[in-house]
Amino acid sequence: MPHHTPLIATLVSAFVLAYVAGMTAQRLRLSPIVGYVLAGVVLGPFTPGMFADQTLAPELSEIGVILLMFGVGLHFSLGDLLSVRAIAVPGAAAQIAIATLLGMALGWLMGWPIGSGLVFGLALSVASTVVLLRALEERRLLETLRGRIAIGWLIVEDLAMVLVLVLLPAIAGLLGGEDGSAKGGDVWITLATTLGKVSAFVAVMLVVGRRVIPWLLERTAGSGSRELFTLAVLAIALGVAYASATLFGVSFALGAFFAGMVLNESKLSHKAAQDSLPFRDAFAVLFFVSVGMLFDPSILLREPLPLLGVLLIILVGKSVGAFAIVRAFGRTPEVALTISTSLAQIGEFSFILAGLGVDLGLLTRDARDLILAGAIISICANPFLFTLLDRWTKQREAEAAAAAEAAVEPDVPPGPPVPERDHVVLIGYGRVGSLVGRTLHAAGRPVVLVESNRDFLEDARTAGIAGILGNAAAEETLEAANIASARALLVAIPQPLEAGQIIRRAREANPGIAVMARAHSDEEVAYLLRNGADAAIMGEREVARSMCEAVDGIVRWFERRPEVADEGTTGVPTANP
């Protein structure tokens, strides 16, 4: 039996090199995404050494895109999407127009025909959904207003690119390409057909999918099989994405997003998101590796000035345009900068559009290489831009917090002062953290909350709990919480890797502090204990312990009910008189 197959070789080489390069980037205080992309460059055909299958890698990366968009949909209800339509629809349309015009201007300077410039500009106008989602997830911004606007904006961009990909072959002849000979009437027919398919898909998902998908998942959960539940989640995500592309001509990503969004209405959406997370993360890495495989480093020497122009359009032109658009809608600078930073990169749709442009004779291979080089560099640069945004946001929030405390505005309570010693430091004020914080506060225990979400922090301050806005993994944030003199640290966030980093830093500042953390599995418990936690609480284990402790009490309660004792029909032994 042969032990070397293209699929296995591609997966092994991609995962191993991505891990090594990602860890190296992390050690150098860079985003792991930079390492993943560089791993793809090593595996690509333009560098000597290892070579992965260039056909399989992009297809495998599509699975990561599907699962990632499915996970976003699980946290994004239809109401969230409709709530940002007033800014997402016109904003995305205006931003696409600005970037396309800038791309056409650069093409004109290089002597390209107008059709080539149009396709080139469109390829530079659409951002990568995967890159954006990873950045928002790392900063816990998905469920914030900024995150909803950014996601809604990209959904509109994706829809626009779906129309472009369908219409471009039909009008290629009119734009000077080699294929396509559609007349004006045929173009309008194609446009109407595409809009009809997209509308039909949305209607099917909202009318049929909203009933069938949650029902199917609830029936599967009722079987009691964890394997079947996980399989059902993957089948729904991949199946709906594939069906949307095959039957309605909609992109895989958009189909998966709507599948997750309709499943959001089910009470099992949180478990579905948790079970799909490992698959989502693993295959999302393959997306960045496949991007790196497309990069020809020689373009840096062959076309330095055109490449500089491409980068200026992506990193500056799109960002400035998006910032101006968002501010014109009356949004805050924080929202405007988040949107502009999110759009300062290009990705998957740009690759597809560039490849189609070459096939239709509208783009040269050098133009495609410029788009790919712009994508690689902008994807690597985007984490640095978000880091700068994080620093600016922290500084602005610190200034705003100081101003709020000085003004003591009644609508935003500053909360009590941070205790100086012998207090409990609580990390996170979500579903678990809020219960812990309110219980400790009601019992009169001094508590300091560290929370990166402004809305959660304001809820805690309104309840009378002292709070600090910031990332608990940052040393200065823990210092502000007086961690060195605290008695206990309770880590209530669900991210084990971030929790481990927080625990290590707390131990360095206060070796004698008592540390308790939250976990979801035996592996997470072991990881947290290795990183310095004194105890790690696993929810399932505590539920089981509570049920066992309650057995005697509930049996006695049933035995003492008069109707049960008289009728004796419940199967529970009746009490002796």
Protein backbone atom coordinates (compact mmCIF):
# COMPACT_ATOMS: atom_id res chain seq x y z
CA MET A 1 0.00 0.00 0.00
CA PRO A 2 1.53 3.38 -1.00
CA HIS A 3 2.15 5.75 1.88
CA HIS A 4 2.60 8.92 -0.16
CA THR A 5 -0.49 10.56 -1.59
CA PRO A 6 -0.93 14.18 -2.70
CA LEU A 7 -3.71 14.80 -0.16
CA ILE A 8 -1.80 13.46 2.84
CA ALA A 9 1.44 15.11 1.73
CA THR A 10 -0.30 18.47 1.32
CA LEU A 11 -2.01 18.28 4.72
CA VAL A 12 1.09 17.13 6.59
CA SER A 13 3.47 19.62 4.98
CA ALA A 14 1.01 22.50 5.37
CA PHE A 15 0.19 21.83 9.03
CA VAL A 16 3.79 21.10 10.10
CA LEU A 17 5.34 24.10 8.34
CA ALA A 18 2.47 26.37 9.41
CA TYR A 19 2.98 25.31 13.03
CA VAL A 20 6.75 25.91 12.92
CA ALA A 21 6.42 29.25 11.14
CA GLY A 22 3.47 30.33 13.31
CA MET A 23 5.36 29.56 16.52
CA THR A 24 8.39 31.43 15.21
CA ALA A 25 6.25 34.44 14.38
CA GLN A 26 4.66 34.30 17.83
CA ARG A 27 8.11 34.25 19.45
CA LEU A 28 9.05 37.32 17.42
CA ARG A 29 5.85 39.05 18.67
CA LEU A 30 4.31 38.89 15.18
CA SER A 31 0.89 37.59 14.24
CA PRO A 32 0.86 33.82 13.55
CA ILE A 33 -0.87 34.68 10.25
CA VAL A 34 2.47 36.01 8.99
CA GLY A 35 4.02 32.64 9.73
CA TYR A 36 1.22 30.74 8.00
CA VAL A 37 1.60 32.81 4.83
CA LEU A 38 5.39 32.40 4.79
CA ALA A 39 4.91 28.64 5.20
CA GLY A 40 2.82 28.75 2.03
CA VAL A 41 5.56 30.65 0.21
CA VAL A 42 8.02 27.86 1.13
CA LEU A 43 5.58 25.22 -0.16
CA GLY A 44 4.79 27.14 -3.36
CA PRO A 45 6.20 26.48 -6.83
CA PHE A 46 8.21 29.70 -6.91
CA THR A 47 10.68 28.72 -4.17
CA PRO A 48 13.08 25.75 -4.10
CA GLY A 49 12.58 22.83 -1.77
CA MET A 50 9.24 21.34 -0.70
CA PHE A 51 6.29 21.52 -3.05
CA ALA A 52 2.63 20.99 -2.15
CA ASP A 53 -0.26 20.28 -4.48
CA GLN A 54 -1.53 23.63 -5.74
CA THR A 55 -4.90 22.17 -6.68
CA LEU A 56 -5.70 20.49 -3.37
CA ALA A 57 -4.52 23.25 -1.02
CA PRO A 58 -7.01 25.93 -2.19
CA GLU A 59 -9.86 23.40 -2.09
CA LEU A 60 -8.97 22.40 1.46
CA SER A 61 -8.73 26.07 2.44
CA GLU A 62 -12.29 26.56 1.20
CA ILE A 63 -13.43 24.24 3.99
CA GLY A 64 -11.87 26.63 6.47
CA VAL A 65 -13.66 29.58 4.87
CA ILE A 66 -16.96 27.69 5.01
CA LEU A 67 -16.59 26.72 8.68
CA LEU A 68 -15.38 30.18 9.63
CA MET A 69 -18.36 31.89 8.01
CA PHE A 70 -20.67 29.29 9.53
CA GLY A 71 -19.29 30.15 12.98
CA VAL A 72 -19.83 33.85 12.33
CA GLY A 73 -23.41 33.18 11.32
CA LEU A 74 -23.94 31.32 14.60
CA HIS A 75 -23.20 34.59 16.45
CA PHE A 76 -24.95 36.87 13.97
CA SER A 77 -28.73 36.95 13.88
CA LEU A 78 -30.86 38.30 11.06
CA GLY A 79 -31.72 41.24 13.29
CA ASP A 80 -28.02 42.07 13.62
CA LEU A 81 -27.64 42.06 9.85
CA LEU A 82 -30.67 44.23 9.28
CA SER A 83 -29.65 46.62 12.06
CA VAL A 84 -26.53 47.70 10.13
CA ARG A 85 -27.97 47.71 6.61
CA ALA A 86 -28.33 51.51 6.62
CA ILE A 87 -24.54 51.90 6.72
CA ALA A 88 -23.30 48.55 5.37
CA VAL A 89 -25.09 48.65 1.99
CA PRO A 90 -24.33 52.22 0.84
CA GLY A 91 -20.95 52.21 2.59
CA ALA A 92 -19.75 49.03 0.91
CA ALA A 93 -21.02 50.21 -2.48
CA ALA A 94 -19.24 53.56 -2.15
CA GLN A 95 -16.02 51.94 -0.95
CA ILE A 96 -16.02 49.45 -3.86
CA ALA A 97 -16.49 52.37 -6.26
CA ILE A 98 -13.59 54.33 -4.73
CA ALA A 99 -11.17 51.40 -4.79
CA THR A 100 -12.20 50.43 -8.33
CA LEU A 101 -11.60 53.97 -9.62
CA LEU A 102 -8.19 54.04 -7.93
CA GLY A 103 -7.31 50.70 -9.54
CA MET A 104 -8.46 51.93 -12.95
CA ALA A 105 -6.30 55.05 -12.52
CA LEU A 106 -3.25 52.90 -11.76
CA GLY A 107 -4.02 50.70 -14.76
CA TRP A 108 -4.29 53.80 -16.96
CA LEU A 109 -0.86 54.97 -15.77
CA MET A 110 0.56 51.57 -16.77
CA GLY A 111 -1.07 51.80 -20.22
CA TRP A 112 -3.75 49.15 -19.71
CA PRO A 113 -7.11 49.25 -21.52
CA ILE A 114 -10.15 50.34 -19.54
CA GLY A 115 -11.52 46.79 -19.24
CA SER A 116 -8.31 45.55 -17.63
CA GLY A 117 -8.29 48.51 -15.27
CA LEU A 118 -11.90 47.81 -14.27
CA VAL A 119 -11.23 44.16 -13.37
CA PHE A 120 -7.98 45.15 -11.64
CA GLY A 121 -9.75 47.78 -9.54
CA LEU A 122 -12.57 45.42 -8.59
CA ALA A 123 -10.02 42.83 -7.43
CA LEU A 124 -8.44 45.45 -5.15
CA SER A 125 -11.78 46.59 -3.73
CA VAL A 126 -12.93 43.52 -1.80
CA ALA A 127 -11.41 42.51 1.55
CA SER A 128 -10.73 39.01 2.82
CA THR A 129 -13.48 37.71 5.08
CA VAL A 130 -11.14 35.20 6.72
CA VAL A 131 -8.55 37.82 7.70
CA LEU A 132 -11.22 40.13 9.08
CA LEU A 133 -12.92 37.43 11.13
CA ARG A 134 -9.67 36.24 12.67
CA ALA A 135 -8.84 39.81 13.71
CA LEU A 136 -12.32 40.39 15.19
CA GLU A 137 -12.33 37.05 17.02
CA GLU A 138 -8.93 37.70 18.59
CA ARG A 139 -10.24 41.01 19.96
CA ARG A 140 -13.69 39.70 20.95
CA LEU A 141 -15.36 42.24 18.67
CA LEU A 142 -17.70 39.94 16.73
CA GLU A 143 -20.75 40.76 18.84
CA THR A 144 -20.02 44.48 19.22
CA LEU A 145 -21.46 47.25 17.06
CA ARG A 146 -18.11 47.66 15.30
CA GLY A 147 -17.97 43.96 14.56
CA ARG A 148 -21.53 43.80 13.24
CA ILE A 149 -20.95 46.74 10.90
CA ALA A 150 -17.70 45.23 9.61
CA ILE A 151 -19.29 41.83 8.99
CA GLY A 152 -22.37 43.36 7.36
CA TRP A 153 -20.08 45.48 5.17
CA LEU A 154 -18.19 42.40 3.97
CA ILE A 155 -21.39 40.46 3.35
CA VAL A 156 -22.47 43.25 0.98
CA GLU A 157 -19.04 43.12 -0.70
CA ASP A 158 -19.35 39.35 -1.11
CA LEU A 159 -22.77 39.72 -2.71
CA ALA A 160 -21.41 42.35 -5.08
CA MET A 161 -18.52 40.09 -6.09
CA VAL A 162 -20.92 37.20 -6.72
CA LEU A 163 -22.70 39.42 -9.26
CA VAL A 164 -19.38 40.47 -10.80
CA LEU A 165 -18.17 36.88 -11.18
CA VAL A 166 -21.41 35.90 -12.91
CA LEU A 167 -21.58 38.96 -15.18
CA LEU A 168 -17.93 39.22 -16.17
CA PRO A 169 -17.86 36.28 -18.63
CA ALA A 170 -20.95 37.69 -20.32
CA ILE A 171 -19.47 41.16 -20.87
CA ALA A 172 -15.81 40.16 -21.40
CA GLY A 173 -16.09 40.83 -25.12
CA LEU A 174 -17.44 44.32 -24.51
CA LEU A 175 -14.50 45.03 -22.19
CA GLY A 176 -11.89 43.89 -24.71
CA GLY A 177 -11.45 40.29 -23.54
CA GLU A 178 -11.04 37.19 -25.65
CA ASP A 179 -14.22 35.41 -24.47
CA GLY A 180 -17.78 36.45 -24.21
CA SER A 181 -19.88 38.09 -26.86
CA ALA A 182 -22.96 39.09 -24.93
CA LYS A 183 -25.07 41.93 -26.18
CA GLY A 184 -26.80 44.44 -23.96
CA GLY A 185 -29.97 42.38 -23.71
CA ASP A 186 -28.08 39.24 -22.73
CA VAL A 187 -26.28 41.16 -19.99
CA TRP A 188 -29.56 42.30 -18.46
CA ILE A 189 -30.92 38.77 -18.67
CA THR A 190 -27.82 37.44 -16.90
CA LEU A 191 -28.10 40.13 -14.23
CA ALA A 192 -31.78 39.38 -13.66
CA THR A 193 -31.06 35.65 -13.48
CA THR A 194 -28.29 36.16 -10.92
CA LEU A 195 -30.40 38.44 -8.74
CA GLY A 196 -33.23 35.94 -8.97
CA LYS A 197 -30.98 33.09 -7.82
CA VAL A 198 -29.60 35.05 -4.90
CA SER A 199 -33.11 36.15 -3.88
CA ALA A 200 -34.36 32.57 -4.15
CA PHE A 201 -31.52 31.33 -1.97
CA VAL A 202 -32.22 33.92 0.72
CA ALA A 203 -35.93 33.13 0.60
CA VAL A 204 -35.33 29.37 0.91
CA MET A 205 -33.01 29.89 3.90
CA LEU A 206 -35.37 32.26 5.70
CA VAL A 207 -38.55 30.29 5.00
CA VAL A 208 -37.41 26.66 4.91
CA GLY A 209 -33.96 26.73 6.51
CA ARG A 210 -35.11 28.56 9.65
CA ARG A 211 -37.42 25.65 10.40
CA VAL A 212 -35.57 22.61 9.06
CA ILE A 213 -31.99 23.29 10.23
CA PRO A 214 -32.73 23.95 13.95
CA TRP A 215 -35.22 21.06 13.96
CA LEU A 216 -32.65 18.70 12.45
CA LEU A 217 -29.98 19.68 14.97
CA GLU A 218 -32.36 19.35 17.93
CA ARG A 219 -33.45 15.88 16.80
CA THR A 220 -29.79 14.87 16.49
CA ALA A 221 -29.01 16.23 19.96
CA GLY A 222 -31.93 14.19 21.28
CA SER A 223 -30.15 11.01 20.19
CA GLY A 224 -27.55 11.62 22.89
CA SER A 225 -24.62 10.93 20.54
CA ARG A 226 -21.89 13.55 20.59
CA GLU A 227 -20.38 12.17 17.39
CA LEU A 228 -23.66 12.46 15.52
CA PHE A 229 -24.15 16.02 16.78
CA THR A 230 -20.71 17.09 15.58
CA LEU A 231 -21.31 15.33 12.29
CA ALA A 232 -24.66 17.09 11.92
CA VAL A 233 -23.00 20.49 12.47
CA LEU A 234 -20.39 19.80 9.78
CA ALA A 235 -22.99 18.36 7.42
CA ILE A 236 -25.19 21.44 7.77
CA ALA A 237 -22.30 23.88 7.28
CA LEU A 238 -20.69 22.12 4.33
CA GLY A 239 -23.92 20.86 2.81
CA VAL A 240 -25.69 24.21 2.75
CA ALA A 241 -22.54 25.94 1.43
CA TYR A 242 -22.16 23.40 -1.39
CA ALA A 243 -25.87 23.44 -2.25
CA SER A 244 -25.91 27.25 -2.34
CA ALA A 245 -23.03 27.31 -4.82
CA THR A 246 -24.37 24.45 -6.96
CA LEU A 247 -28.05 25.33 -7.08
CA PHE A 248 -28.07 29.12 -6.69
CA GLY A 249 -24.62 30.26 -7.83
CA VAL A 250 -23.91 31.84 -4.42
CA SER A 251 -20.42 31.66 -2.92
CA PHE A 252 -19.55 28.93 -0.42
CA ALA A 253 -18.84 31.56 2.23
CA LEU A 254 -22.19 33.30 1.84
CA GLY A 255 -24.09 30.01 1.94
CA ALA A 256 -22.32 28.91 5.11
CA PHE A 257 -22.97 32.29 6.73
CA PHE A 258 -26.73 32.01 6.16
CA ALA A 259 -26.69 28.41 7.46
CA GLY A 260 -25.11 29.59 10.69
CA MET A 261 -27.41 32.59 10.93
CA VAL A 262 -30.61 30.53 10.76
CA LEU A 263 -29.14 28.05 13.25
CA ASN A 264 -28.48 30.98 15.59
CA GLU A 265 -32.17 30.86 16.53
CA SER A 266 -31.71 27.39 18.01
CA LYS A 267 -30.82 26.94 21.67
CA LEU A 268 -28.03 24.62 20.52
CA SER A 269 -26.14 27.29 18.58
CA HIS A 270 -23.52 27.72 21.32
CA LYS A 271 -22.71 24.01 21.39
CA ALA A 272 -22.60 23.92 17.58
CA ALA A 273 -20.06 26.75 17.58
CA GLN A 274 -17.97 25.04 20.25
CA ASP A 275 -17.91 21.67 18.46
CA SER A 276 -16.94 23.16 15.09
CA LEU A 277 -14.19 25.40 16.52
CA PRO A 278 -11.24 22.95 16.18
CA PHE A 279 -12.12 22.17 12.54
CA ARG A 280 -12.60 25.87 11.85
CA ASP A 281 -9.20 26.86 13.20
CA ALA A 282 -7.31 24.03 11.52
CA PHE A 283 -8.72 24.56 8.04
CA ALA A 284 -8.53 28.35 8.32
CA VAL A 285 -4.75 27.91 8.62
CA LEU A 286 -4.80 26.13 5.25
CA PHE A 287 -6.36 29.24 3.72
CA PHE A 288 -3.34 31.36 4.64
CA VAL A 289 -0.95 28.63 3.52
CA SER A 290 -2.68 28.41 0.13
CA VAL A 291 -2.42 32.19 -0.25
CA GLY A 292 1.33 32.00 0.34
CA MET A 293 1.66 29.27 -2.28
CA LEU A 294 0.39 31.66 -4.95
CA PHE A 295 3.04 34.29 -4.25
CA ASP A 296 5.92 34.77 -6.69
CA PRO A 297 8.61 36.68 -4.78
CA SER A 298 10.26 37.81 -8.02
CA ILE A 299 7.45 40.35 -8.53
CA LEU A 300 9.12 42.43 -5.82
CA LEU A 301 12.08 42.97 -8.14
CA ARG A 302 10.28 42.93 -11.49
CA GLU A 303 7.54 45.48 -10.74
CA PRO A 304 8.48 47.50 -7.62
CA LEU A 305 6.73 50.76 -8.54
CA PRO A 306 3.41 49.20 -9.70
CA LEU A 307 3.45 47.06 -6.55
CA LEU A 308 3.92 50.17 -4.44
CA GLY A 309 0.90 51.71 -6.17
CA VAL A 310 -1.16 48.58 -5.43
CA LEU A 311 -0.20 48.69 -1.76
CA LEU A 312 -1.06 52.37 -1.51
CA ILE A 313 -4.53 51.64 -2.90
CA ILE A 314 -5.12 48.72 -0.50
CA LEU A 315 -3.57 50.14 2.66
CA VAL A 316 -4.24 53.85 2.22
CA GLY A 317 -6.84 54.51 -0.47
CA LYS A 318 -9.40 51.97 0.74
CA SER A 319 -8.83 52.84 4.40
CA VAL A 320 -9.15 56.60 3.94
CA GLY A 321 -12.25 56.14 1.78
CA ALA A 322 -13.90 53.80 4.30
CA PHE A 323 -13.03 56.11 7.20
CA ALA A 324 -14.59 59.10 5.42
CA ILE A 325 -17.72 57.09 4.54
CA VAL A 326 -18.28 55.81 8.08
CA ARG A 327 -17.70 59.25 9.58
CA ALA A 328 -20.14 60.72 7.04
CA PHE A 329 -22.79 58.42 8.53
CA GLY A 330 -22.16 59.96 11.95
CA ARG A 331 -20.31 57.02 13.50
CA THR A 332 -17.58 57.43 16.10
CA PRO A 333 -13.86 57.49 15.21
CA GLU A 334 -13.48 54.06 16.87
CA VAL A 335 -16.04 52.53 14.52
CA ALA A 336 -14.58 54.32 11.49
CA LEU A 337 -11.02 53.21 12.26
CA THR A 338 -12.11 49.63 12.91
CA ILE A 339 -13.87 49.46 9.54
CA SER A 340 -11.02 51.13 7.66
CA THR A 341 -8.43 48.84 9.27
CA SER A 342 -10.57 45.79 8.52
CA LEU A 343 -10.70 46.69 4.82
CA ALA A 344 -6.96 47.38 4.46
CA GLN A 345 -6.31 43.98 2.86
CA ILE A 346 -7.60 41.80 0.02
CA GLY A 347 -8.14 38.07 -0.16
CA GLU A 348 -10.12 35.17 -1.51
CA PHE A 349 -12.46 36.96 -3.92
CA SER A 350 -9.52 38.94 -5.29
CA PHE A 351 -7.75 35.68 -6.21
CA ILE A 352 -10.85 34.29 -7.89
CA LEU A 353 -11.45 37.51 -9.82
CA ALA A 354 -7.80 37.76 -10.88
CA GLY A 355 -7.81 34.17 -12.15
CA LEU A 356 -11.05 34.72 -14.07
CA GLY A 357 -9.64 37.93 -15.56
CA VAL A 358 -6.61 36.05 -16.89
CA ASP A 359 -8.79 33.28 -18.33
CA LEU A 360 -10.98 35.85 -20.11
CA GLY A 361 -8.00 37.75 -21.51
CA LEU A 362 -8.78 40.86 -19.47
CA LEU A 363 -5.70 40.68 -17.22
CA THR A 364 -2.10 39.82 -17.92
CA ARG A 365 -0.19 37.42 -15.69
CA ASP A 366 1.84 40.36 -14.36
CA ALA A 367 -1.41 42.05 -13.31
CA ARG A 368 -2.48 38.88 -11.53
CA ASP A 369 0.90 38.66 -9.79
CA LEU A 370 0.53 42.27 -8.63
CA ILE A 371 -2.87 41.42 -7.11
CA LEU A 372 -1.46 38.33 -5.39
CA ALA A 373 1.57 40.24 -4.10
CA GLY A 374 -0.71 43.00 -2.81
CA ALA A 375 -2.84 40.38 -1.06
CA ILE A 376 0.13 38.66 0.58
CA ILE A 377 1.72 41.86 1.84
CA SER A 378 -1.57 43.40 2.98
CA ILE A 379 -2.58 40.22 4.84
CA CYS A 380 0.79 40.22 6.62
CA ALA A 381 0.51 43.96 7.35
CA ASN A 382 -3.07 43.86 8.62
CA PRO A 383 -2.22 42.44 12.08
CA PHE A 384 0.25 45.30 12.59
CA LEU A 385 -2.43 47.82 11.65
CA PHE A 386 -4.81 46.24 14.16
CA THR A 387 -2.08 46.40 16.79
CA LEU A 388 -1.74 50.13 16.17
CA LEU A 389 -5.53 50.45 16.36
CA ASP A 390 -5.55 48.54 19.67
CA ARG A 391 -2.98 50.91 21.15
CA TRP A 392 -4.89 53.97 19.96
CA THR A 393 -8.16 52.53 21.27
CA LYS A 394 -6.67 51.74 24.70
CA GLN A 395 -5.23 55.24 24.97
CA ARG A 396 -8.52 56.82 23.95
CA GLU A 397 -10.52 54.60 26.31
CA ALA A 398 -8.18 55.46 29.17
CA GLU A 399 -8.64 59.16 28.45
CA ALA A 400 -12.41 58.71 28.17
CA ALA A 401 -12.52 56.74 31.42
CA ALA A 402 -10.56 59.43 33.20
CA ALA A 403 -12.82 62.12 31.81
CA ALA A 404 -15.92 60.13 32.77
CA GLU A 405 -14.70 59.65 36.33
CA ALA A 406 -13.88 63.34 36.58
CA ALA A 407 -17.27 64.38 35.23
CA VAL A 408 -19.14 61.59 37.08
CA GLU A 409 -21.74 61.33 34.35
CA PRO A 410 -24.94 59.79 35.72
CA ASP A 411 -25.61 57.66 32.64
CA VAL A 412 -22.18 55.95 32.73
CA PRO A 413 -21.40 55.16 36.38
CA PRO A 414 -17.63 55.06 36.97
CA GLY A 415 -18.06 52.42 39.65
CA PRO A 416 -16.32 52.20 43.00
CA PRO A 417 -12.56 52.62 43.26
CA VAL A 418 -10.27 49.64 42.82
CA PRO A 419 -9.42 48.04 46.20
CA GLU A 420 -5.78 48.25 47.15
CA ARG A 421 -5.36 44.79 48.68
CA ASP A 422 -7.00 41.49 49.73
CA HIS A 423 -9.52 41.61 46.88
CA VAL A 424 -10.65 39.21 44.16
CA VAL A 425 -9.63 39.97 40.56
CA LEU A 426 -12.29 38.67 38.14
CA ILE A 427 -11.43 38.25 34.44
CA GLY A 428 -14.44 38.41 32.12
CA TYR A 429 -18.07 39.40 32.65
CA GLY A 430 -19.86 37.13 30.21
CA ARG A 431 -22.40 34.46 31.08
CA VAL A 432 -20.24 32.88 33.79
CA GLY A 433 -18.28 35.93 34.93
CA SER A 434 -21.39 38.06 35.47
CA LEU A 435 -22.90 35.42 37.78
CA VAL A 436 -19.64 35.14 39.72
CA GLY A 437 -19.21 38.90 39.99
CA ARG A 438 -22.76 39.61 41.17
CA THR A 439 -22.62 36.76 43.71
CA LEU A 440 -19.33 37.90 45.23
CA HIS A 441 -20.48 41.51 45.29
CA ALA A 442 -23.74 40.57 47.01
CA ALA A 443 -21.75 38.64 49.60
CA GLY A 444 -19.71 41.76 50.37
CA ARG A 445 -16.44 40.50 48.91
CA PRO A 446 -14.24 43.21 47.30
CA VAL A 447 -14.08 42.48 43.57
CA VAL A 448 -12.23 44.10 40.67
CA LEU A 449 -13.41 43.20 37.16
CA VAL A 450 -11.09 43.27 34.14
CA GLU A 451 -13.14 43.33 30.94
CA SER A 452 -12.30 44.32 27.34
CA ASN A 453 -15.94 44.85 26.33
CA ARG A 454 -17.17 48.34 27.21
CA ASP A 455 -20.83 47.31 27.38
CA PHE A 456 -20.08 44.47 29.83
CA LEU A 457 -17.93 46.78 31.94
CA GLU A 458 -20.69 49.38 32.16
CA ASP A 459 -23.14 46.66 33.26
CA ALA A 460 -20.76 45.67 36.05
CA ARG A 461 -20.16 49.26 37.16
CA THR A 462 -23.90 49.86 37.20
CA ALA A 463 -24.17 46.89 39.58
CA GLY A 464 -21.59 48.53 41.85
CA ILE A 465 -18.57 46.42 40.88
CA ALA A 466 -15.20 48.12 40.40
CA GLY A 467 -13.95 47.55 36.87
CA ILE A 468 -11.04 48.18 34.51
CA LEU A 469 -11.36 48.32 30.73
CA GLY A 470 -8.55 46.49 28.97
CA ASN A 471 -6.92 43.21 27.96
CA ALA A 472 -6.17 41.14 31.03
CA ALA A 473 -3.17 39.56 29.29
CA ALA A 474 -1.43 42.96 29.31
CA GLU A 475 0.86 43.60 32.28
CA GLU A 476 -0.28 47.20 32.72
CA THR A 477 -3.93 46.09 32.97
CA LEU A 478 -3.18 43.59 35.72
CA GLU A 479 -1.11 46.22 37.51
CA ALA A 480 -4.07 48.60 37.39
CA ALA A 481 -6.16 45.87 39.07
CA ASN A 482 -3.58 45.72 41.91
CA ILE A 483 -2.87 42.08 41.13
CA ALA A 484 0.30 42.12 43.27
CA SER A 485 -1.75 42.63 46.45
CA ALA A 486 -4.86 40.66 45.46
CA ARG A 487 -5.96 37.58 47.37
CA ALA A 488 -7.50 35.59 44.51
CA LEU A 489 -7.76 35.55 40.70
CA LEU A 490 -10.86 34.11 39.00
CA VAL A 491 -10.50 33.62 35.23
CA ALA A 492 -14.02 33.30 33.79
CA ILE A 493 -13.25 33.68 30.07
CA PRO A 494 -13.79 30.61 27.82
CA GLN A 495 -10.49 30.94 25.88
CA PRO A 496 -7.95 28.58 27.55
CA LEU A 497 -4.85 29.90 25.74
CA GLU A 498 -5.57 33.48 26.76
CA ALA A 499 -6.44 32.31 30.27
CA GLY A 500 -3.11 30.51 30.56
CA GLN A 501 -1.23 33.66 29.58
CA ILE A 502 -3.16 35.71 32.16
CA ILE A 503 -2.45 33.17 34.91
CA ARG A 504 1.29 33.13 34.14
CA ARG A 505 1.53 36.92 34.33
CA ALA A 506 -0.51 37.02 37.53
CA ARG A 507 1.80 34.43 39.10
CA GLU A 508 4.85 36.49 38.14
CA ALA A 509 3.38 39.56 39.84
CA ASN A 510 1.95 37.72 42.87
CA PRO A 511 3.33 34.19 43.47
CA GLY A 512 1.07 33.62 46.47
CA ILE A 513 -2.26 34.48 44.80
CA ALA A 514 -4.98 31.83 44.71
CA VAL A 515 -6.01 31.14 41.10
CA MET A 516 -9.15 29.48 39.82
CA ALA A 517 -10.04 29.20 36.12
CA ARG A 518 -12.83 27.96 33.88
CA ALA A 519 -12.41 24.95 31.56
CA HIS A 520 -14.46 22.91 29.11
CA SER A 521 -12.49 19.66 28.95
CA ASP A 522 -9.97 17.54 30.85
CA GLU A 523 -7.27 18.74 28.45
CA GLU A 524 -8.04 22.39 29.24
CA VAL A 525 -8.00 21.60 32.98
CA ALA A 526 -4.53 20.06 32.65
CA TYR A 527 -3.30 22.99 30.56
CA LEU A 528 -4.52 25.59 33.06
CA LEU A 529 -3.04 23.71 36.01
CA ARG A 530 0.31 23.52 34.20
CA ASN A 531 0.23 27.28 33.72
CA GLY A 532 -0.19 27.97 37.44
CA ALA A 533 -3.90 27.62 38.28
CA ASP A 534 -4.69 26.15 41.69
CA ALA A 535 -8.00 24.81 40.44
CA ALA A 536 -9.86 24.59 37.14
CA ILE A 537 -13.62 24.17 37.15
CA MET A 538 -15.16 22.14 34.31
CA GLY A 539 -18.84 22.89 33.84
CA GLU A 540 -19.94 19.37 32.94
CA ARG A 541 -18.21 17.92 36.00
CA GLU A 542 -19.84 20.43 38.35
CA VAL A 543 -23.27 19.71 36.87
CA ALA A 544 -22.73 15.99 37.43
CA ARG A 545 -21.58 16.58 41.02
CA SER A 546 -24.60 18.79 41.75
CA MET A 547 -27.00 16.22 40.32
CA CYS A 548 -25.46 13.48 42.45
CA GLU A 549 -25.72 15.60 45.58
CA ALA A 550 -29.36 16.41 44.78
CA VAL A 551 -30.49 12.78 44.29
CA ASP A 552 -31.48 12.15 47.93
CA GLY A 553 -33.27 15.47 48.22
CA ILE A 554 -35.36 15.07 45.08
CA VAL A 555 -36.31 11.50 46.00
CA ARG A 556 -37.49 12.65 49.44
CA TRP A 557 -39.46 15.47 47.81
CA PHE A 558 -41.26 13.05 45.51
CA GLU A 559 -41.96 10.65 48.37
CA ARG A 560 -43.61 13.37 50.46
CA ARG A 561 -45.96 14.62 47.75
CA PRO A 562 -49.51 13.61 48.84
CA GLU A 563 -50.75 12.88 45.33
CA VAL A 564 -47.81 10.61 44.62
CA ALA A 565 -48.15 8.81 47.93
CA ASP A 566 -51.89 8.28 47.34
CA GLU A 567 -51.80 7.23 43.71
CA GLY A 568 -48.39 5.56 43.60
CA THR A 569 -48.20 5.94 39.83
CA THR A 570 -44.84 7.62 39.31
CA GLY A 571 -42.57 4.64 39.89
CA VAL A 572 -40.97 6.39 42.89
CA PRO A 573 -41.27 4.39 46.14
CA THR A 574 -43.83 5.94 48.46
CA ALA A 575 -42.98 6.87 52.04
CA ASN A 576 -44.07 4.62 54.89
CA PRO A 577 -46.77 6.14 57.14
